[in-house]
């Protein structure tokens, strides 16, 4: 392997004389480094056919390559290991050049980041916390130093907190936890996430624009709460947050997620106040799902199990009346489901199955109003069965009755005489006659001809 610098544009040409078995090598007329008589060729020793083929290949390769001036050319003489070494040298040169360019650009960006960081500190001292937080984030984006990035994110979180932009503060804390765990106080950061979630639960919303403070950003309670629970699932406020999430999912019609959160409270925080209300919440979810209808009666059975468990463990709870009403409501749902199955089988001519389902309604849910049509249908199918009278008192927990109580009549002063009226009013003016109206549903036209005074 040999190295040379190509500066003269030398080209080679090879002519083979097959009949004489000799090879003749001419130099290009433009070559300045060859001195040979112009009238005679330069003779070389006789070459074998294999050597001649290798020489021809080398000549063609040299002629095809047009390396620029002052470029390192590596002659490998067909040695594969030498060719690999030459490629490694070129790659090393390119990598060194790229690394130098990156280092220069990195140093430039780090200097810009320091300038932006100082500008953010000035804005924070001046009280413009919103802009200061944005400048800290710009500095974090420019720099490549991990410590500077962590400091910029921490300062941005502090600035956004002072600007009451808790959503942006939460974003900064999440990045600190995920990217700079070893450089922060993890306990303090997670507690702050729980505080931000509590603020959103209590109605806080970030202002979208500084000059339009009445335009608020969206509620981020769910996002902040889920992140805080993911980072510290057994922290002190975790039970209350899980309970809130369960209620929120139930309100937004996500019953499966609500069931998951209520179960987490019961498993991770047993015996707490949150677990007590999680039992009620779980029973409420099951009751709502049972009311929507389930073919295999799964939700109704789960609701009965949960309600009975609460009644057994809390015999003196103030919510016991509601629990018993929900229990009776589930009985009505069960009875209606069985009655509908019996009607279907009776309509298709399978009275044996219809009688089976109707007998379950009569035996298990006889006190519900749904038992009346079931008893009548069973008496129609089975002549030996005598239905009880329909006038028998039944329970319907879904029906509510409200009483109307009129507001009691009282005398009241319309005008009290001021002390400085110079005797214009000697006594207070009082009602001369009570309003004898007792029913608010009575219209004015119905009282138009009466002597009542209003």
Protein backbone atom coordinates (compact mmCIF):
# COMPACT_ATOMS: atom_id res chain seq x y z
CA UNK A 1 0.00 0.00 0.00
CA UNK A 2 1.37 3.43 -0.90
CA UNK A 3 0.10 7.00 -0.59
CA UNK A 4 0.52 9.82 -3.09
CA UNK A 5 -1.04 13.20 -3.73
CA UNK A 6 -2.70 13.67 -7.07
CA UNK A 7 -1.75 17.09 -8.43
CA UNK A 8 -0.67 16.50 -12.05
CA UNK A 9 -3.68 14.73 -13.56
CA UNK A 10 -1.60 11.68 -14.57
CA UNK A 11 -3.52 9.01 -16.51
CA UNK A 12 -2.35 5.63 -17.62
CA UNK A 13 -3.23 3.57 -20.68
CA UNK A 14 -2.38 -0.02 -21.28
CA UNK A 15 -1.92 -1.80 -24.59
CA UNK A 16 -1.51 -5.47 -24.77
CA UNK A 17 0.11 -7.19 -27.62
CA UNK A 18 -1.44 -10.61 -27.77
CA UNK A 19 0.73 -11.87 -30.60
CA UNK A 20 4.06 -10.85 -29.08
CA UNK A 21 2.98 -11.56 -25.52
CA UNK A 22 4.32 -8.20 -24.32
CA UNK A 23 2.75 -5.24 -22.58
CA UNK A 24 3.67 -1.66 -23.43
CA UNK A 25 2.98 1.26 -21.14
CA UNK A 26 2.79 4.77 -22.56
CA UNK A 27 2.72 7.93 -20.59
CA UNK A 28 0.18 10.60 -21.36
CA UNK A 29 1.53 13.48 -23.37
CA UNK A 30 0.23 15.93 -20.78
CA UNK A 31 2.09 14.28 -17.92
CA UNK A 32 4.85 16.49 -16.64
CA UNK A 33 6.58 13.92 -14.47
CA UNK A 34 7.45 11.42 -17.26
CA UNK A 35 10.60 11.90 -19.34
CA UNK A 36 10.88 9.36 -22.19
CA UNK A 37 11.89 9.57 -25.81
CA UNK A 38 8.99 10.58 -27.96
CA UNK A 39 9.91 8.27 -30.78
CA UNK A 40 10.31 5.05 -28.80
CA UNK A 41 7.96 3.43 -26.32
CA UNK A 42 9.07 2.59 -22.82
CA UNK A 43 9.49 -1.14 -22.69
CA UNK A 44 8.67 -3.15 -19.61
CA UNK A 45 9.30 -6.81 -18.81
CA UNK A 46 6.91 -9.35 -20.19
CA UNK A 47 3.84 -9.83 -17.95
CA UNK A 48 1.71 -12.87 -17.42
CA UNK A 49 -1.98 -12.57 -18.46
CA UNK A 50 -3.06 -12.37 -14.80
CA UNK A 51 -0.60 -9.55 -14.05
CA UNK A 52 -1.66 -7.74 -17.20
CA UNK A 53 -5.33 -7.95 -16.18
CA UNK A 54 -4.55 -6.54 -12.71
CA UNK A 55 -2.52 -3.73 -14.25
CA UNK A 56 -5.33 -2.86 -16.66
CA UNK A 57 -7.85 -2.79 -13.82
CA UNK A 58 -5.63 -0.45 -11.80
CA UNK A 59 -5.24 1.84 -14.78
CA UNK A 60 -8.98 2.04 -15.39
CA UNK A 61 -9.62 2.81 -11.70
CA UNK A 62 -7.03 5.58 -11.70
CA UNK A 63 -8.48 7.11 -14.84
CA UNK A 64 -12.08 7.02 -13.56
CA UNK A 65 -11.33 8.67 -10.21
CA UNK A 66 -11.13 12.44 -10.32
CA UNK A 67 -9.99 13.30 -6.83
CA UNK A 68 -9.76 17.04 -6.14
CA UNK A 69 -6.44 18.71 -5.58
CA UNK A 70 -4.73 18.28 -2.24
CA UNK A 71 -6.90 15.22 -1.46
CA UNK A 72 -5.41 12.20 0.23
CA UNK A 73 -5.39 9.24 -2.19
CA UNK A 74 -4.64 5.81 -0.81
CA UNK A 75 -3.17 3.21 -3.13
CA UNK A 76 -3.99 -0.19 -1.68
CA UNK A 77 -2.57 -2.41 -4.46
CA UNK A 78 -5.70 -4.56 -4.22
CA UNK A 79 -5.18 -5.40 -0.55
CA UNK A 80 -8.64 -5.67 1.15
CA UNK A 81 -7.26 -4.90 4.60
CA UNK A 82 -5.52 -1.82 3.25
CA UNK A 83 -8.76 -0.67 1.60
CA UNK A 84 -10.59 -0.99 4.93
CA UNK A 85 -7.87 0.99 6.67
CA UNK A 86 -8.17 3.74 4.09
CA UNK A 87 -11.95 3.95 4.60
CA UNK A 88 -11.46 4.11 8.35
CA UNK A 89 -9.02 7.03 7.95
CA UNK A 90 -11.52 8.97 5.82
CA UNK A 91 -14.41 8.24 8.24
CA UNK A 92 -12.29 9.34 11.19
CA UNK A 93 -11.49 12.63 9.47
CA UNK A 94 -15.20 13.26 8.76
CA UNK A 95 -16.24 12.35 12.31
CA UNK A 96 -13.61 14.65 13.77
CA UNK A 97 -14.82 17.50 11.61
CA UNK A 98 -18.46 16.92 12.56
CA UNK A 99 -17.59 16.70 16.26
CA UNK A 100 -15.73 20.00 16.03
CA UNK A 101 -18.71 21.68 14.34
CA UNK A 102 -21.09 20.30 16.98
CA UNK A 103 -18.88 21.49 19.81
CA UNK A 104 -18.73 24.97 18.32
CA UNK A 105 -22.53 25.09 17.88
CA UNK A 106 -23.08 23.73 21.39
CA UNK A 107 -20.87 26.37 22.92
CA UNK A 108 -22.72 29.06 20.99
CA UNK A 109 -26.12 27.79 22.19
CA UNK A 110 -24.92 27.51 25.79
CA UNK A 111 -23.82 31.13 25.70
CA UNK A 112 -27.23 32.17 24.32
CA UNK A 113 -28.94 30.11 27.02
CA UNK A 114 -27.01 31.95 29.74
CA UNK A 115 -28.10 35.29 28.30
CA UNK A 116 -31.76 34.21 28.14
CA UNK A 117 -31.55 32.79 31.68
CA UNK A 118 -30.27 36.11 33.05
CA UNK A 119 -33.02 37.96 31.18
CA UNK A 120 -35.61 35.64 32.76
CA UNK A 121 -34.23 36.39 36.22
CA UNK A 122 -34.57 40.11 35.55
CA UNK A 123 -38.18 39.68 34.43
CA UNK A 124 -38.92 37.67 37.57
CA UNK A 125 -37.46 40.41 39.77
CA UNK A 126 -39.61 42.95 37.94
CA UNK A 127 -42.75 40.90 38.68
CA UNK A 128 -43.52 39.75 35.12
CA UNK A 129 -43.79 36.09 36.09
CA UNK A 130 -45.57 34.87 32.97
CA UNK A 131 -42.84 36.13 30.62
CA UNK A 132 -40.14 35.01 33.04
CA UNK A 133 -41.47 31.46 32.96
CA UNK A 134 -41.45 31.47 29.17
CA UNK A 135 -37.85 32.77 29.07
CA UNK A 136 -36.73 30.05 31.48
CA UNK A 137 -38.23 27.47 29.14
CA UNK A 138 -36.40 29.08 26.20
CA UNK A 139 -33.12 28.79 28.10
CA UNK A 140 -33.87 25.14 28.85
CA UNK A 141 -34.43 24.50 25.17
CA UNK A 142 -31.20 26.21 24.07
CA UNK A 143 -28.74 24.68 26.50
CA UNK A 144 -27.34 21.16 26.36
CA UNK A 145 -26.10 21.13 29.96
CA UNK A 146 -28.26 18.85 32.13
CA UNK A 147 -27.79 20.94 35.27
CA UNK A 148 -28.74 24.16 33.49
CA UNK A 149 -31.80 22.42 32.06
CA UNK A 150 -32.92 21.28 35.51
CA UNK A 151 -32.39 24.77 36.98
CA UNK A 152 -34.30 26.38 34.12
CA UNK A 153 -37.27 24.03 34.57
CA UNK A 154 -37.29 24.56 38.33
CA UNK A 155 -37.23 28.35 37.94
CA UNK A 156 -39.95 28.18 35.28
CA UNK A 157 -42.17 26.18 37.66
CA UNK A 158 -41.62 28.79 40.38
CA UNK A 159 -42.42 31.66 38.00
CA UNK A 160 -45.61 30.03 36.71
CA UNK A 161 -46.70 29.33 40.28
CA UNK A 162 -46.34 33.02 41.13
CA UNK A 163 -48.30 33.86 37.98
CA UNK A 164 -51.05 31.40 39.12
CA UNK A 165 -50.57 29.35 35.97
CA UNK A 166 -50.77 26.04 37.77
CA UNK A 167 -51.23 24.00 34.62
CA UNK A 168 -47.89 25.16 33.18
CA UNK A 169 -46.27 24.68 36.57
CA UNK A 170 -47.53 21.11 36.54
CA UNK A 171 -45.97 20.55 33.10
CA UNK A 172 -42.60 21.72 34.38
CA UNK A 173 -42.81 19.49 37.46
CA UNK A 174 -43.66 16.48 35.31
CA UNK A 175 -40.59 17.09 33.16
CA UNK A 176 -38.41 17.47 36.24
CA UNK A 177 -39.67 14.14 37.60
CA UNK A 178 -39.24 12.28 34.32
CA UNK A 179 -35.93 13.81 33.14
CA UNK A 180 -34.10 15.05 36.26
CA UNK A 181 -35.16 12.71 39.05
CA UNK A 182 -31.74 12.76 40.76
CA UNK A 183 -31.54 16.56 40.83
CA UNK A 184 -34.84 17.44 42.57
CA UNK A 185 -36.65 16.89 45.85
CA UNK A 186 -39.06 14.17 44.70
CA UNK A 187 -41.33 14.29 47.76
CA UNK A 188 -41.78 18.04 47.48
CA UNK A 189 -42.46 17.83 43.75
CA UNK A 190 -45.14 15.14 44.14
CA UNK A 191 -46.84 16.96 47.01
CA UNK A 192 -47.02 20.02 44.81
CA UNK A 193 -48.71 17.96 42.10
CA UNK A 194 -51.36 16.89 44.61
CA UNK A 195 -51.84 20.54 45.59
CA UNK A 196 -52.29 21.55 41.95
CA UNK A 197 -54.87 18.78 41.44
CA UNK A 198 -56.73 20.00 44.53
CA UNK A 199 -56.70 23.56 43.16
CA UNK A 200 -58.25 22.43 39.87
CA UNK A 201 -60.84 20.39 41.78
CA UNK A 202 -61.82 23.53 43.71
CA UNK A 203 -62.40 25.48 40.51
CA UNK A 204 -59.08 27.01 39.52
CA UNK A 205 -58.50 27.57 35.80
CA UNK A 206 -55.44 29.09 34.15
CA UNK A 207 -55.90 32.36 32.28
CA UNK A 208 -55.16 31.75 28.63
CA UNK A 209 -54.13 35.33 27.85
CA UNK A 210 -52.59 37.93 30.12
CA UNK A 211 -54.59 40.72 28.53
CA UNK A 212 -57.87 38.69 28.66
CA UNK A 213 -57.87 37.20 32.15
CA UNK A 214 -61.55 36.21 31.99
CA UNK A 215 -60.85 33.63 29.24
CA UNK A 216 -59.88 30.49 31.10
CA UNK A 217 -58.13 27.32 30.05
CA UNK A 218 -59.65 23.85 30.40
CA UNK A 219 -59.96 21.83 33.60
CA UNK A 220 -56.91 19.62 34.18
CA UNK A 221 -58.00 17.92 37.37
CA UNK A 222 -58.10 14.43 35.86
CA UNK A 223 -54.69 14.77 34.23
CA UNK A 224 -52.98 16.17 37.33
CA UNK A 225 -54.59 13.63 39.65
CA UNK A 226 -53.67 10.64 37.49
CA UNK A 227 -50.06 11.87 37.21
CA UNK A 228 -49.76 12.42 40.96
CA UNK A 229 -51.13 8.94 41.68
CA UNK A 230 -48.78 7.43 39.13
CA UNK A 231 -45.76 9.11 40.73
CA UNK A 232 -46.77 8.46 44.37
CA UNK A 233 -49.66 5.96 44.58
CA UNK A 234 -49.58 5.64 48.37
CA UNK A 235 -49.08 9.25 49.41
CA UNK A 236 -51.20 10.72 52.19
CA UNK A 237 -53.76 12.50 49.94
CA UNK A 238 -53.96 9.58 47.49
CA UNK A 239 -57.13 8.09 49.03
CA UNK A 240 -59.12 11.33 48.75
CA UNK A 241 -57.85 11.90 45.19
CA UNK A 242 -58.88 8.41 44.11
CA UNK A 243 -62.32 8.94 45.61
CA UNK A 244 -62.66 12.23 43.75
CA UNK A 245 -61.59 10.59 40.50
CA UNK A 246 -64.20 7.86 40.97
CA UNK A 247 -66.96 10.40 41.46
CA UNK A 248 -65.72 12.45 38.51
CA UNK A 249 -65.68 9.45 36.19
CA UNK A 250 -69.16 8.49 37.37
CA UNK A 251 -70.44 12.01 36.69
CA UNK A 252 -68.90 12.00 33.20
CA UNK A 253 -70.49 8.63 32.37
CA UNK A 254 -67.36 6.48 32.58
CA UNK A 255 -68.61 3.75 34.95
CA UNK A 256 -65.82 1.24 34.27
CA UNK A 257 -63.13 3.73 35.27
CA UNK A 258 -65.17 4.76 38.30
CA UNK A 259 -65.39 1.12 39.43
CA UNK A 260 -61.61 0.80 39.06
CA UNK A 261 -60.93 3.86 41.23
CA UNK A 262 -63.40 2.87 43.96
CA UNK A 263 -61.85 -0.60 44.12
CA UNK A 264 -58.37 0.92 44.41
CA UNK A 265 -59.54 2.94 47.42
CA UNK A 266 -60.94 -0.18 49.10
CA UNK A 267 -57.78 -2.20 48.42
CA UNK A 268 -55.09 0.41 49.19
CA UNK A 269 -56.83 2.43 51.94
CA UNK A 270 -59.06 0.06 53.95
CA UNK A 271 -60.69 1.36 57.11
CA UNK A 272 -60.41 5.04 56.12
CA UNK A 273 -63.19 7.55 55.59
CA UNK A 274 -62.49 7.45 51.88
CA UNK A 275 -63.02 3.67 51.88
CA UNK A 276 -66.39 4.17 53.61
CA UNK A 277 -67.62 6.48 50.86
CA UNK A 278 -65.97 4.33 48.18
CA UNK A 279 -68.29 1.48 49.21
CA UNK A 280 -71.30 3.72 48.64
CA UNK A 281 -69.87 4.95 45.34
CA UNK A 282 -69.24 1.42 44.13
CA UNK A 283 -72.80 0.41 45.03
CA UNK A 284 -74.11 3.48 43.19
CA UNK A 285 -72.17 2.56 40.03
CA UNK A 286 -73.46 -1.01 40.09
CA UNK A 287 -77.05 0.21 40.55
CA UNK A 288 -76.77 2.60 37.62
CA UNK A 289 -75.33 -0.11 35.39
CA UNK A 290 -78.07 -2.51 36.45
CA UNK A 291 -80.73 0.06 35.55
CA UNK A 292 -79.29 0.33 32.04
CA UNK A 293 -79.80 -3.40 31.60
CA UNK A 294 -77.42 -6.35 31.44
CA UNK A 295 -78.23 -9.61 29.77
CA UNK A 296 -76.49 -11.89 32.24
CA UNK A 297 -77.69 -9.96 35.32
CA UNK A 298 -74.07 -9.37 36.33
CA UNK A 299 -74.39 -5.77 37.47
CA UNK A 300 -77.54 -6.43 39.45
CA UNK A 301 -75.88 -9.28 41.33
CA UNK A 302 -72.82 -7.12 42.08
CA UNK A 303 -75.09 -4.31 43.30
CA UNK A 304 -76.96 -6.68 45.64
CA UNK A 305 -73.69 -8.05 46.99
CA UNK A 306 -72.26 -4.57 47.61
CA UNK A 307 -75.44 -3.19 49.19
CA UNK A 308 -75.87 -6.19 51.50
CA UNK A 309 -72.22 -5.92 52.53
CA UNK A 310 -72.66 -2.25 53.45
CA UNK A 311 -75.84 -2.92 55.44
CA UNK A 312 -74.13 -5.71 57.36
CA UNK A 313 -70.99 -3.69 58.22
CA UNK A 314 -72.71 -0.35 58.87
CA UNK A 315 -76.02 -1.02 60.64
CA UNK A 316 -76.29 2.53 62.01
CA UNK A 317 -75.01 4.52 59.05
CA UNK A 318 -77.00 7.67 58.14
CA UNK A 319 -77.00 6.53 54.49
CA UNK A 320 -78.79 3.30 55.40
CA UNK A 321 -82.17 4.54 54.18
CA UNK A 322 -80.73 5.25 50.73
CA UNK A 323 -79.02 1.86 50.67
CA UNK A 324 -82.28 0.05 51.48
CA UNK A 325 -84.13 1.97 48.77
CA UNK A 326 -81.46 1.03 46.24
CA UNK A 327 -81.73 -2.57 47.37
CA UNK A 328 -85.48 -2.59 46.76
CA UNK A 329 -84.97 -0.90 43.41
CA UNK A 330 -82.62 -3.69 42.35
CA UNK A 331 -85.29 -6.21 43.37
CA UNK A 332 -87.75 -4.48 41.06
CA UNK A 333 -85.20 -4.58 38.23
CA UNK A 334 -84.62 -8.28 38.83
CA UNK A 335 -88.34 -9.01 38.89
CA UNK A 336 -88.94 -7.09 35.68
CA UNK A 337 -86.13 -8.90 33.92
CA UNK A 338 -87.49 -12.32 34.90
CA UNK A 339 -91.02 -11.28 33.92
CA UNK A 340 -89.84 -10.20 30.46
CA UNK A 341 -88.09 -13.54 29.97
CA UNK A 342 -91.27 -15.36 30.98
CA UNK A 343 -93.34 -13.31 28.53
CA UNK A 344 -90.93 -14.16 25.71
CA UNK A 345 -91.05 -17.90 26.38
CA UNK A 346 -94.85 -17.80 26.76
CA UNK A 347 -95.13 -16.04 23.41
CA UNK A 348 -92.95 -18.69 21.74
CA UNK A 349 -94.98 -21.53 23.22
CA UNK A 350 -92.52 -22.69 25.89
CA UNK A 351 -94.77 -22.36 28.93
CA UNK A 352 -92.56 -24.61 31.03
CA UNK A 353 -89.73 -22.08 30.95
CA UNK A 354 -92.19 -19.20 31.38
CA UNK A 355 -93.62 -20.85 34.48
CA UNK A 356 -90.09 -21.33 35.85
CA UNK A 357 -89.24 -17.61 35.59
CA UNK A 358 -92.64 -16.48 36.86
CA UNK A 359 -92.38 -18.70 39.92
CA UNK A 360 -89.04 -17.02 40.75
CA UNK A 361 -90.69 -13.60 40.62
CA UNK A 362 -93.56 -14.74 42.83
CA UNK A 363 -91.28 -16.36 45.40
CA UNK A 364 -88.43 -13.84 45.58
CA UNK A 365 -90.05 -10.51 44.76
CA UNK A 366 -93.66 -10.89 45.89
CA UNK A 367 -93.62 -7.53 47.70
CA UNK A 368 -92.84 -5.54 44.56
CA UNK A 369 -95.46 -4.17 42.20
CA UNK A 370 -93.80 -6.07 39.36
CA UNK A 371 -95.11 -9.27 40.97
CA UNK A 372 -98.74 -8.39 40.09
CA UNK A 373 -98.53 -8.99 36.30
CA UNK A 374 -96.29 -12.01 36.93
CA UNK A 375 -98.91 -13.56 39.23
CA UNK A 376 -101.62 -12.92 36.68
CA UNK A 377 -99.61 -14.49 33.86
CA UNK A 378 -98.69 -17.47 36.04
CA UNK A 379 -102.38 -18.03 36.89
CA UNK A 380 -103.15 -17.93 33.16
CA UNK A 381 -100.52 -20.59 32.42
CA UNK A 382 -101.06 -22.78 35.49
CA UNK A 383 -104.70 -23.25 36.37
CA UNK A 384 -103.79 -24.65 39.78
CA UNK A 385 -102.19 -21.39 40.84
CA UNK A 386 -104.44 -18.77 42.41
CA UNK A 387 -103.13 -15.24 42.17
CA UNK A 388 -103.45 -13.02 45.26
CA UNK A 389 -105.70 -9.97 45.02
CA UNK A 390 -104.19 -7.08 43.09
CA UNK A 391 -105.25 -4.72 45.87
CA UNK A 392 -102.62 -6.16 48.17
CA UNK A 393 -100.12 -3.50 49.22
CA UNK A 394 -96.89 -3.62 47.30
CA UNK A 395 -93.62 -1.69 47.54
CA UNK A 396 -92.32 0.42 44.72
CA UNK A 397 -89.08 2.17 45.71
CA UNK A 398 -88.95 4.02 42.42
CA UNK A 399 -92.13 5.97 43.25
CA UNK A 400 -91.85 9.04 45.46
CA UNK A 401 -94.68 11.01 47.04
CA UNK A 402 -94.36 14.63 48.03
CA UNK A 403 -96.62 16.52 50.44
CA UNK A 404 -97.63 20.15 49.99
CA UNK A 405 -97.43 22.30 53.10
CA UNK A 406 -98.59 25.94 52.86
CA UNK A 407 -96.42 28.67 54.29
CA UNK A 408 -97.88 29.78 57.66
CA UNK A 409 -99.45 33.23 57.72
CA UNK A 410 -97.84 35.90 59.89
CA UNK A 411 -98.45 39.59 60.61
CA UNK A 412 -95.59 41.84 59.56
CA UNK A 413 -94.87 45.57 59.51
CA UNK A 414 -94.94 47.16 56.09
CA UNK A 415 -93.53 50.49 57.17
CA UNK A 416 -92.06 51.62 60.45
CA UNK A 417 -92.44 55.33 61.31
CA UNK A 418 -89.04 57.05 61.47
CA UNK A 419 -88.33 58.93 64.63
CA UNK A 420 -87.60 62.18 62.79
CA UNK A 421 -90.85 62.31 60.77
CA UNK A 422 -92.24 65.22 62.85
CA UNK A 423 -95.24 63.10 63.80
CA UNK A 424 -96.33 62.49 60.24
CA UNK A 425 -96.67 58.80 60.99
CA UNK A 426 -97.93 58.13 64.49
CA UNK A 427 -98.12 54.33 64.23
CA UNK A 428 -96.56 51.77 61.91
CA UNK A 429 -98.73 50.74 58.95
CA UNK A 430 -99.64 47.11 59.38
CA UNK A 431 -101.49 44.48 57.31
CA UNK A 432 -105.19 45.10 57.63
CA UNK A 433 -106.19 41.63 56.56
CA UNK A 434 -104.35 38.33 56.24
CA UNK A 435 -103.91 36.59 52.93
CA UNK A 436 -106.24 33.66 53.35
CA UNK A 437 -104.92 31.94 50.19
CA UNK A 438 -103.61 28.51 51.13
CA UNK A 439 -103.02 26.84 47.76
CA UNK A 440 -100.35 28.27 45.49
CA UNK A 441 -101.89 26.50 42.48
CA UNK A 442 -104.94 28.84 42.66
CA UNK A 443 -104.74 31.38 39.85
CA UNK A 444 -105.49 35.07 40.11
CA UNK A 445 -108.59 34.78 37.91
CA UNK A 446 -110.12 32.30 40.33
CA UNK A 447 -109.87 34.82 43.12
CA UNK A 448 -110.93 37.86 41.12
CA UNK A 449 -114.49 37.96 42.44
CA UNK A 450 -113.66 37.31 46.07
CA UNK A 451 -113.32 39.84 48.89
CA UNK A 452 -109.78 38.79 49.68
CA UNK A 453 -107.16 41.49 49.91
CA UNK A 454 -103.66 40.84 48.70
